[in-house]
PDB file of N, CA and C in Angstrom:
ATOM      1  N   MET A   1     -48.033  27.141 -55.217  1.00  0.00           N
ATOM      2  CA  MET A   1     -47.515  25.861 -54.769  1.00  0.00           C
ATOM      3  C   MET A   1     -48.669  24.874 -54.643  1.00  0.00           C
ATOM      4  N   SER A   2     -48.472  23.698 -55.103  1.00  0.00           N
ATOM      5  CA  SER A   2     -49.537  22.695 -55.048  1.00  0.00           C
ATOM      6  C   SER A   2     -49.654  22.143 -53.631  1.00  0.00           C
ATOM      7  N   GLY A   3     -50.842  21.667 -53.283  1.00  0.00           N
ATOM      8  CA  GLY A   3     -51.084  21.129 -51.958  1.00  0.00           C
ATOM      9  C   GLY A   3     -50.524  19.732 -51.785  1.00  0.00           C
ATOM     10  N   LYS A   4     -50.051  19.138 -52.858  1.00  0.00           N
ATOM     11  CA  LYS A   4     -49.546  17.760 -52.824  1.00  0.00           C
ATOM     12  C   LYS A   4     -48.019  17.796 -52.853  1.00  0.00           C
ATOM     13  N   SER A   5     -47.386  17.452 -51.743  1.00  0.00           N
ATOM     14  CA  SER A   5     -45.923  17.476 -51.705  1.00  0.00           C
ATOM     15  C   SER A   5     -45.360  16.108 -52.084  1.00  0.00           C
ATOM     16  N   LYS A   6     -44.194  16.142 -52.685  1.00  0.00           N
ATOM     17  CA  LYS A   6     -43.523  14.914 -53.097  1.00  0.00           C
ATOM     18  C   LYS A   6     -42.645  14.415 -51.947  1.00  0.00           C
ATOM     19  N   GLN A   7     -42.636  13.120 -51.748  1.00  0.00           N
ATOM     20  CA  GLN A   7     -41.754  12.521 -50.755  1.00  0.00           C
ATOM     21  C   GLN A   7     -40.370  12.392 -51.381  1.00  0.00           C
ATOM     22  N   LYS A   8     -39.345  12.343 -50.561  1.00  0.00           N
ATOM     23  CA  LYS A   8     -37.983  12.289 -51.086  1.00  0.00           C
ATOM     24  C   LYS A   8     -37.677  10.985 -51.819  1.00  0.00           C
ATOM     25  N   LEU A   9     -37.752   9.869 -51.124  1.00  0.00           N
ATOM     26  CA  LEU A   9     -37.504   8.558 -51.725  1.00  0.00           C
ATOM     27  C   LEU A   9     -38.456   7.544 -51.103  1.00  0.00           C
ATOM     28  N   PRO A  10     -38.755   6.480 -51.841  1.00  0.00           N
ATOM     29  CA  PRO A  10     -39.581   5.414 -51.251  1.00  0.00           C
ATOM     30  C   PRO A  10     -38.866   4.823 -50.032  1.00  0.00           C
ATOM     31  N   ARG A  11     -39.663   4.253 -49.128  1.00  0.00           N
ATOM     32  CA  ARG A  11     -39.052   3.672 -47.931  1.00  0.00           C
ATOM     33  C   ARG A  11     -38.172   2.487 -48.303  1.00  0.00           C
ATOM     34  N   GLU A  12     -37.135   2.314 -47.522  1.00  0.00           N
ATOM     35  CA  GLU A  12     -36.166   1.238 -47.717  1.00  0.00           C
ATOM     36  C   GLU A  12     -36.881  -0.119 -47.741  1.00  0.00           C
ATOM     37  N   GLY A  13     -36.559  -0.966 -48.720  1.00  0.00           N
ATOM     38  CA  GLY A  13     -37.128  -2.298 -48.815  1.00  0.00           C
ATOM     39  C   GLY A  13     -38.426  -2.387 -49.599  1.00  0.00           C
ATOM     40  N   SER A  14     -39.054  -1.244 -49.890  1.00  0.00           N
ATOM     41  CA  SER A  14     -40.301  -1.273 -50.664  1.00  0.00           C
ATOM     42  C   SER A  14     -39.997  -1.643 -52.115  1.00  0.00           C
ATOM     43  N   GLN A  15     -41.026  -2.058 -52.844  1.00  0.00           N
ATOM     44  CA  GLN A  15     -40.825  -2.414 -54.251  1.00  0.00           C
ATOM     45  C   GLN A  15     -40.328  -1.207 -55.044  1.00  0.00           C
ATOM     46  N   ALA A  16     -40.908  -0.043 -54.791  1.00  0.00           N
ATOM     47  CA  ALA A  16     -40.486   1.170 -55.509  1.00  0.00           C
ATOM     48  C   ALA A  16     -39.015   1.471 -55.214  1.00  0.00           C
ATOM     49  N   ARG A  17     -38.593   1.297 -53.968  1.00  0.00           N
ATOM     50  CA  ARG A  17     -37.199   1.574 -53.607  1.00  0.00           C
ATOM     51  C   ARG A  17     -36.268   0.561 -54.242  1.00  0.00           C
ATOM     52  N   ARG A  18     -36.686  -0.709 -54.311  1.00  0.00           N
ATOM     53  CA  ARG A  18     -35.850  -1.724 -54.960  1.00  0.00           C
ATOM     54  C   ARG A  18     -35.655  -1.399 -56.438  1.00  0.00           C
ATOM     55  N   ILE A  19     -36.717  -0.946 -57.089  1.00  0.00           N
ATOM     56  CA  ILE A  19     -36.599  -0.531 -58.494  1.00  0.00           C
ATOM     57  C   ILE A  19     -35.675   0.670 -58.603  1.00  0.00           C
ATOM     58  N   TYR A  20     -35.891   1.669 -57.754  1.00  0.00           N
ATOM     59  CA  TYR A  20     -35.061   2.882 -57.778  1.00  0.00           C
ATOM     60  C   TYR A  20     -33.582   2.533 -57.584  1.00  0.00           C
ATOM     61  N   ASP A  21     -33.276   1.726 -56.571  1.00  0.00           N
ATOM     62  CA  ASP A  21     -31.888   1.349 -56.297  1.00  0.00           C
ATOM     63  C   ASP A  21     -31.269   0.590 -57.473  1.00  0.00           C
ATOM     64  N   TYR A  22     -32.054  -0.286 -58.100  1.00  0.00           N
ATOM     65  CA  TYR A  22     -31.567  -1.053 -59.247  1.00  0.00           C
ATOM     66  C   TYR A  22     -31.267  -0.119 -60.431  1.00  0.00           C
ATOM     67  N   LEU A  23     -32.173   0.809 -60.697  1.00  0.00           N
ATOM     68  CA  LEU A  23     -31.968   1.755 -61.794  1.00  0.00           C
ATOM     69  C   LEU A  23     -30.830   2.726 -61.490  1.00  0.00           C
ATOM     70  N   LYS A  24     -30.680   3.092 -60.233  1.00  0.00           N
ATOM     71  CA  LYS A  24     -29.628   4.038 -59.826  1.00  0.00           C
ATOM     72  C   LYS A  24     -28.236   3.480 -60.111  1.00  0.00           C
ATOM     73  N   GLN A  25     -28.111   2.172 -60.135  1.00  0.00           N
ATOM     74  CA  GLN A  25     -26.831   1.528 -60.439  1.00  0.00           C
ATOM     75  C   GLN A  25     -26.488   1.594 -61.929  1.00  0.00           C
ATOM     76  N   GLY A  26     -27.352   2.219 -62.727  1.00  0.00           N
ATOM     77  CA  GLY A  26     -27.108   2.345 -64.163  1.00  0.00           C
ATOM     78  C   GLY A  26     -27.788   1.276 -64.995  1.00  0.00           C
ATOM     79  N   ASN A  27     -28.558   0.418 -64.344  1.00  0.00           N
ATOM     80  CA  ASN A  27     -29.281  -0.638 -65.054  1.00  0.00           C
ATOM     81  C   ASN A  27     -30.541  -0.078 -65.711  1.00  0.00           C
ATOM     82  N   THR A  28     -31.049  -0.801 -66.686  1.00  0.00           N
ATOM     83  CA  THR A  28     -32.366  -0.524 -67.250  1.00  0.00           C
ATOM     84  C   THR A  28     -33.271  -1.678 -66.851  1.00  0.00           C
ATOM     85  N   LEU A  29     -34.578  -1.458 -66.931  1.00  0.00           N
ATOM     86  CA  LEU A  29     -35.536  -2.501 -66.558  1.00  0.00           C
ATOM     87  C   LEU A  29     -36.716  -2.521 -67.509  1.00  0.00           C
ATOM     88  N   THR A  30     -37.161  -3.721 -67.826  1.00  0.00           N
ATOM     89  CA  THR A  30     -38.438  -3.936 -68.498  1.00  0.00           C
ATOM     90  C   THR A  30     -39.347  -4.604 -67.470  1.00  0.00           C
ATOM     91  N   SER A  31     -40.620  -4.729 -67.778  1.00  0.00           N
ATOM     92  CA  SER A  31     -41.526  -5.378 -66.826  1.00  0.00           C
ATOM     93  C   SER A  31     -41.119  -6.838 -66.599  1.00  0.00           C
ATOM     94  N   TYR A  32     -40.677  -7.509 -67.648  1.00  0.00           N
ATOM     95  CA  TYR A  32     -40.232  -8.899 -67.499  1.00  0.00           C
ATOM     96  C   TYR A  32     -39.009  -8.981 -66.578  1.00  0.00           C
ATOM     97  N   GLU A  33     -38.038  -8.098 -66.800  1.00  0.00           N
ATOM     98  CA  GLU A  33     -36.829  -8.105 -65.975  1.00  0.00           C
ATOM     99  C   GLU A  33     -37.139  -7.762 -64.516  1.00  0.00           C
ATOM    100  N   ALA A  34     -38.100  -6.847 -64.308  1.00  0.00           N
ATOM    101  CA  ALA A  34     -38.486  -6.497 -62.941  1.00  0.00           C
ATOM    102  C   ALA A  34     -39.048  -7.712 -62.218  1.00  0.00           C
ATOM    103  N   PHE A  35     -39.818  -8.512 -62.927  1.00  0.00           N
ATOM    104  CA  PHE A  35     -40.359  -9.726 -62.329  1.00  0.00           C
ATOM    105  C   PHE A  35     -39.255 -10.760 -62.098  1.00  0.00           C
ATOM    106  N   ALA A  36     -38.457 -11.015 -63.133  1.00  0.00           N
ATOM    107  CA  ALA A  36     -37.428 -12.053 -63.057  1.00  0.00           C
ATOM    108  C   ALA A  36     -36.314 -11.692 -62.073  1.00  0.00           C
ATOM    109  N   THR A  37     -35.927 -10.434 -62.013  1.00  0.00           N
ATOM    110  CA  THR A  37     -34.802 -10.010 -61.186  1.00  0.00           C
ATOM    111  C   THR A  37     -35.208  -9.589 -59.782  1.00  0.00           C
ATOM    112  N   LEU A  38     -36.305  -8.845 -59.695  1.00  0.00           N
ATOM    113  CA  LEU A  38     -36.695  -8.254 -58.413  1.00  0.00           C
ATOM    114  C   LEU A  38     -37.970  -8.849 -57.823  1.00  0.00           C
ATOM    115  N   GLY A  39     -38.649  -9.712 -58.578  1.00  0.00           N
ATOM    116  CA  GLY A  39     -39.884 -10.324 -58.090  1.00  0.00           C
ATOM    117  C   GLY A  39     -41.056  -9.363 -58.021  1.00  0.00           C
ATOM    118  N   ILE A  40     -41.041  -8.333 -58.856  1.00  0.00           N
ATOM    119  CA  ILE A  40     -42.084  -7.300 -58.840  1.00  0.00           C
ATOM    120  C   ILE A  40     -43.054  -7.549 -59.987  1.00  0.00           C
ATOM    121  N   VAL A  41     -44.334  -7.733 -59.656  1.00  0.00           N
ATOM    122  CA  VAL A  41     -45.353  -8.048 -60.650  1.00  0.00           C
ATOM    123  C   VAL A  41     -45.972  -6.774 -61.222  1.00  0.00           C
ATOM    124  N   LYS A  42     -46.366  -5.843 -60.387  1.00  0.00           N
ATOM    125  CA  LYS A  42     -47.030  -4.617 -60.855  1.00  0.00           C
ATOM    126  C   LYS A  42     -46.002  -3.504 -61.084  1.00  0.00           C
ATOM    127  N   PHE A  43     -45.107  -3.779 -61.989  1.00  0.00           N
ATOM    128  CA  PHE A  43     -43.992  -2.880 -62.294  1.00  0.00           C
ATOM    129  C   PHE A  43     -44.466  -1.502 -62.750  1.00  0.00           C
ATOM    130  N   SER A  44     -45.462  -1.460 -63.643  1.00  0.00           N
ATOM    131  CA  SER A  44     -45.926  -0.165 -64.154  1.00  0.00           C
ATOM    132  C   SER A  44     -46.496   0.705 -63.034  1.00  0.00           C
ATOM    133  N   ASN A  45     -47.127   0.086 -62.035  1.00  0.00           N
ATOM    134  CA  ASN A  45     -47.637   0.856 -60.889  1.00  0.00           C
ATOM    135  C   ASN A  45     -46.496   1.467 -60.090  1.00  0.00           C
ATOM    136  N   ARG A  46     -45.413   0.706 -59.912  1.00  0.00           N
ATOM    137  CA  ARG A  46     -44.277   1.222 -59.151  1.00  0.00           C
ATOM    138  C   ARG A  46     -43.555   2.325 -59.923  1.00  0.00           C
ATOM    139  N   ILE A  47     -43.469   2.211 -61.249  1.00  0.00           N
ATOM    140  CA  ILE A  47     -42.878   3.277 -62.065  1.00  0.00           C
ATOM    141  C   ILE A  47     -43.726   4.539 -61.926  1.00  0.00           C
ATOM    142  N   SER A  48     -45.031   4.383 -61.966  1.00  0.00           N
ATOM    143  CA  SER A  48     -45.938   5.516 -61.783  1.00  0.00           C
ATOM    144  C   SER A  48     -45.739   6.152 -60.411  1.00  0.00           C
ATOM    145  N   ASP A  49     -45.596   5.339 -59.367  1.00  0.00           N
ATOM    146  CA  ASP A  49     -45.327   5.862 -58.022  1.00  0.00           C
ATOM    147  C   ASP A  49     -44.034   6.674 -57.997  1.00  0.00           C
ATOM    148  N   LEU A  50     -42.977   6.121 -58.587  1.00  0.00           N
ATOM    149  CA  LEU A  50     -41.690   6.820 -58.591  1.00  0.00           C
ATOM    150  C   LEU A  50     -41.808   8.172 -59.284  1.00  0.00           C
ATOM    151  N   ARG A  51     -42.536   8.214 -60.384  1.00  0.00           N
ATOM    152  CA  ARG A  51     -42.700   9.471 -61.125  1.00  0.00           C
ATOM    153  C   ARG A  51     -43.612  10.452 -60.404  1.00  0.00           C
ATOM    154  N   ASN A  52     -44.791   9.989 -60.007  1.00  0.00           N
ATOM    155  CA  ASN A  52     -45.828  10.890 -59.506  1.00  0.00           C
ATOM    156  C   ASN A  52     -45.769  11.154 -58.004  1.00  0.00           C
ATOM    157  N   LYS A  53     -45.528  10.136 -57.234  1.00  0.00           N
ATOM    158  CA  LYS A  53     -45.520  10.281 -55.780  1.00  0.00           C
ATOM    159  C   LYS A  53     -44.187  10.825 -55.274  1.00  0.00           C
ATOM    160  N   TYR A  54     -43.087  10.372 -55.896  1.00  0.00           N
ATOM    161  CA  TYR A  54     -41.759  10.751 -55.423  1.00  0.00           C
ATOM    162  C   TYR A  54     -41.070  11.782 -56.317  1.00  0.00           C
ATOM    163  N   GLY A  55     -41.649  12.098 -57.465  1.00  0.00           N
ATOM    164  CA  GLY A  55     -41.096  13.131 -58.342  1.00  0.00           C
ATOM    165  C   GLY A  55     -39.780  12.761 -59.002  1.00  0.00           C
ATOM    166  N   ILE A  56     -39.538  11.477 -59.199  1.00  0.00           N
ATOM    167  CA  ILE A  56     -38.284  11.006 -59.796  1.00  0.00           C
ATOM    168  C   ILE A  56     -38.448  10.935 -61.313  1.00  0.00           C
ATOM    169  N   GLU A  57     -37.513  11.535 -62.029  1.00  0.00           N
ATOM    170  CA  GLU A  57     -37.567  11.491 -63.492  1.00  0.00           C
ATOM    171  C   GLU A  57     -37.078  10.130 -63.968  1.00  0.00           C
ATOM    172  N   ILE A  58     -37.912   9.463 -64.735  1.00  0.00           N
ATOM    173  CA  ILE A  58     -37.575   8.150 -65.277  1.00  0.00           C
ATOM    174  C   ILE A  58     -37.736   8.218 -66.792  1.00  0.00           C
ATOM    175  N   TYR A  59     -36.694   7.804 -67.484  1.00  0.00           N
ATOM    176  CA  TYR A  59     -36.707   7.795 -68.946  1.00  0.00           C
ATOM    177  C   TYR A  59     -37.297   6.477 -69.429  1.00  0.00           C
ATOM    178  N   GLN A  60     -37.953   6.561 -70.571  1.00  0.00           N
ATOM    179  CA  GLN A  60     -38.642   5.395 -71.125  1.00  0.00           C
ATOM    180  C   GLN A  60     -38.439   5.368 -72.627  1.00  0.00           C
ATOM    181  N   ARG A  61     -38.219   4.185 -73.150  1.00  0.00           N
ATOM    182  CA  ARG A  61     -38.166   4.017 -74.609  1.00  0.00           C
ATOM    183  C   ARG A  61     -38.841   2.707 -74.966  1.00  0.00           C
ATOM    184  N   THR A  62     -39.352   2.658 -76.184  1.00  0.00           N
ATOM    185  CA  THR A  62     -40.016   1.453 -76.683  1.00  0.00           C
ATOM    186  C   THR A  62     -39.041   0.698 -77.563  1.00  0.00           C
ATOM    187  N   ILE A  63     -38.921  -0.579 -77.286  1.00  0.00           N
ATOM    188  CA  ILE A  63     -38.055  -1.478 -78.068  1.00  0.00           C
ATOM    189  C   ILE A  63     -38.955  -2.330 -78.952  1.00  0.00           C
ATOM    190  N   ARG A  64     -38.580  -2.484 -80.201  1.00  0.00           N
ATOM    191  CA  ARG A  64     -39.332  -3.339 -81.126  1.00  0.00           C
ATOM    192  C   ARG A  64     -38.505  -4.580 -81.441  1.00  0.00           C
ATOM    193  N   SER A  65     -39.165  -5.707 -81.510  1.00  0.00           N
ATOM    194  CA  SER A  65     -38.499  -6.958 -81.840  1.00  0.00           C
ATOM    195  C   SER A  65     -37.970  -6.889 -83.275  1.00  0.00           C
ATOM    196  N   PRO A  66     -36.737  -7.304 -83.489  1.00  0.00           N
ATOM    197  CA  PRO A  66     -36.206  -7.290 -84.857  1.00  0.00           C
ATOM    198  C   PRO A  66     -36.900  -8.311 -85.764  1.00  0.00           C
ATOM    199  N   ASN A  67     -37.520  -9.322 -85.153  1.00  0.00           N
ATOM    200  CA  ASN A  67     -38.172 -10.381 -85.931  1.00  0.00           C
ATOM    201  C   ASN A  67     -39.634 -10.098 -86.240  1.00  0.00           C
ATOM    202  N   ASN A  68     -40.259  -9.224 -85.446  1.00  0.00           N
ATOM    203  CA  ASN A  68     -41.684  -8.963 -85.616  1.00  0.00           C
ATOM    204  C   ASN A  68     -41.957  -7.528 -85.174  1.00  0.00           C
ATOM    205  N   SER A  69     -42.205  -6.660 -86.132  1.00  0.00           N
ATOM    206  CA  SER A  69     -42.374  -5.241 -85.809  1.00  0.00           C
ATOM    207  C   SER A  69     -43.600  -4.971 -84.925  1.00  0.00           C
ATOM    208  N   ARG A  70     -44.496  -5.933 -84.802  1.00  0.00           N
ATOM    209  CA  ARG A  70     -45.672  -5.751 -83.951  1.00  0.00           C
ATOM    210  C   ARG A  70     -45.386  -6.055 -82.484  1.00  0.00           C
ATOM    211  N   VAL A  71     -44.269  -6.722 -82.214  1.00  0.00           N
ATOM    212  CA  VAL A  71     -43.895  -7.055 -80.835  1.00  0.00           C
ATOM    213  C   VAL A  71     -43.009  -5.935 -80.307  1.00  0.00           C
ATOM    214  N   ARG A  72     -43.424  -5.368 -79.167  1.00  0.00           N
ATOM    215  CA  ARG A  72     -42.632  -4.288 -78.579  1.00  0.00           C
ATOM    216  C   ARG A  72     -42.823  -4.275 -77.066  1.00  0.00           C
ATOM    217  N   TRP A  73     -41.909  -3.636 -76.392  1.00  0.00           N
ATOM    218  CA  TRP A  73     -41.966  -3.509 -74.937  1.00  0.00           C
ATOM    219  C   TRP A  73     -41.258  -2.228 -74.538  1.00  0.00           C
ATOM    220  N   ASP A  74     -41.503  -1.779 -73.321  1.00  0.00           N
ATOM    221  CA  ASP A  74     -40.890  -0.549 -72.817  1.00  0.00           C
ATOM    222  C   ASP A  74     -39.733  -0.875 -71.892  1.00  0.00           C
ATOM    223  N   GLU A  75     -38.733  -0.030 -71.957  1.00  0.00           N
ATOM    224  CA  GLU A  75     -37.547  -0.143 -71.120  1.00  0.00           C
ATOM    225  C   GLU A  75     -37.399   1.171 -70.361  1.00  0.00           C
ATOM    226  N   PHE A  76     -37.003   1.092 -69.094  1.00  0.00           N
ATOM    227  CA  PHE A  76     -36.957   2.268 -68.227  1.00  0.00           C
ATOM    228  C   PHE A  76     -35.553   2.456 -67.654  1.00  0.00           C
ATOM    229  N   SER A  77     -35.200   3.726 -67.408  1.00  0.00           N
ATOM    230  CA  SER A  77     -33.889   4.063 -66.884  1.00  0.00           C
ATOM    231  C   SER A  77     -33.973   5.371 -66.096  1.00  0.00           C
ATOM    232  N   LEU A  78     -33.052   5.571 -65.166  1.00  0.00           N
ATOM    233  CA  LEU A  78     -32.937   6.868 -64.494  1.00  0.00           C
ATOM    234  C   LEU A  78     -32.086   7.832 -65.308  1.00  0.00           C
ATOM    235  N   PHE A  79     -31.414   7.315 -66.318  1.00  0.00           N
ATOM    236  CA  PHE A  79     -30.500   8.115 -67.132  1.00  0.00           C
ATOM    237  C   PHE A  79     -30.979   8.118 -68.587  1.00  0.00           C
ATOM    238  N   PRO A  80     -30.735   9.218 -69.299  1.00  0.00           N
ATOM    239  CA  PRO A  80     -31.171   9.270 -70.702  1.00  0.00           C
ATOM    240  C   PRO A  80     -30.535   8.135 -71.505  1.00  0.00           C
ATOM    241  N   PHE A  81     -31.297   7.618 -72.441  1.00  0.00           N
ATOM    242  CA  PHE A  81     -30.794   6.556 -73.310  1.00  0.00           C
ATOM    243  C   PHE A  81     -29.879   7.157 -74.366  1.00  0.00           C
ATOM    244  N   ASP A  82     -28.822   6.442 -74.699  1.00  0.00           N
ATOM    245  CA  ASP A  82     -27.934   6.856 -75.771  1.00  0.00           C
ATOM    246  C   ASP A  82     -28.517   6.341 -77.073  1.00  0.00           C
ATOM    247  N   GLU A  83     -29.114   7.226 -77.810  1.00  0.00           N
ATOM    248  CA  GLU A  83     -29.782   6.841 -79.062  1.00  0.00           C
ATOM    249  C   GLU A  83     -28.905   7.132 -80.274  1.00  0.00           C
ATOM    250  N   SER A  84     -27.598   7.396 -80.060  1.00  0.00           N
ATOM    251  CA  SER A  84     -26.725   7.766 -81.169  1.00  0.00           C
ATOM    252  C   SER A  84     -26.601   6.674 -82.224  1.00  0.00           C
ATOM    253  N   GLY A  85     -26.744   5.408 -81.812  1.00  0.00           N
ATOM    254  CA  GLY A  85     -26.655   4.305 -82.770  1.00  0.00           C
ATOM    255  C   GLY A  85     -28.009   3.909 -83.345  1.00  0.00           C
ATOM    256  N   ALA A  86     -29.069   4.574 -82.927  1.00  0.00           N
ATOM    257  CA  ALA A  86     -30.415   4.217 -83.370  1.00  0.00           C
ATOM    258  C   ALA A  86     -30.664   4.732 -84.774  1.00  0.00           C
ATOM    259  N   GLU A  87     -31.586   4.046 -85.449  1.00  0.00           N
ATOM    260  CA  GLU A  87     -31.930   4.458 -86.815  1.00  0.00           C
ATOM    261  C   GLU A  87     -32.801   5.673 -86.785  1.00  0.00           C
TER     262      GLU A  87
END
């Protein structure tokens, strides 16, 4: 057993908890949406906290812009993405 125990959930009202609650409703989030919707700037740090500190499984996929294959961003979810329509 490792000496580092995982906490159950982030404390109520924290940025990590706001992200968790938003994702738990079935929503997905990008860093832009986290800022625009939840006012969270360091989104990647909070995702890391949820994964590493709280042991919450978070799914991630990379989206590419249809207009420019070099433009891409990550999208996060608590639930697996349905990739059945993907190429």
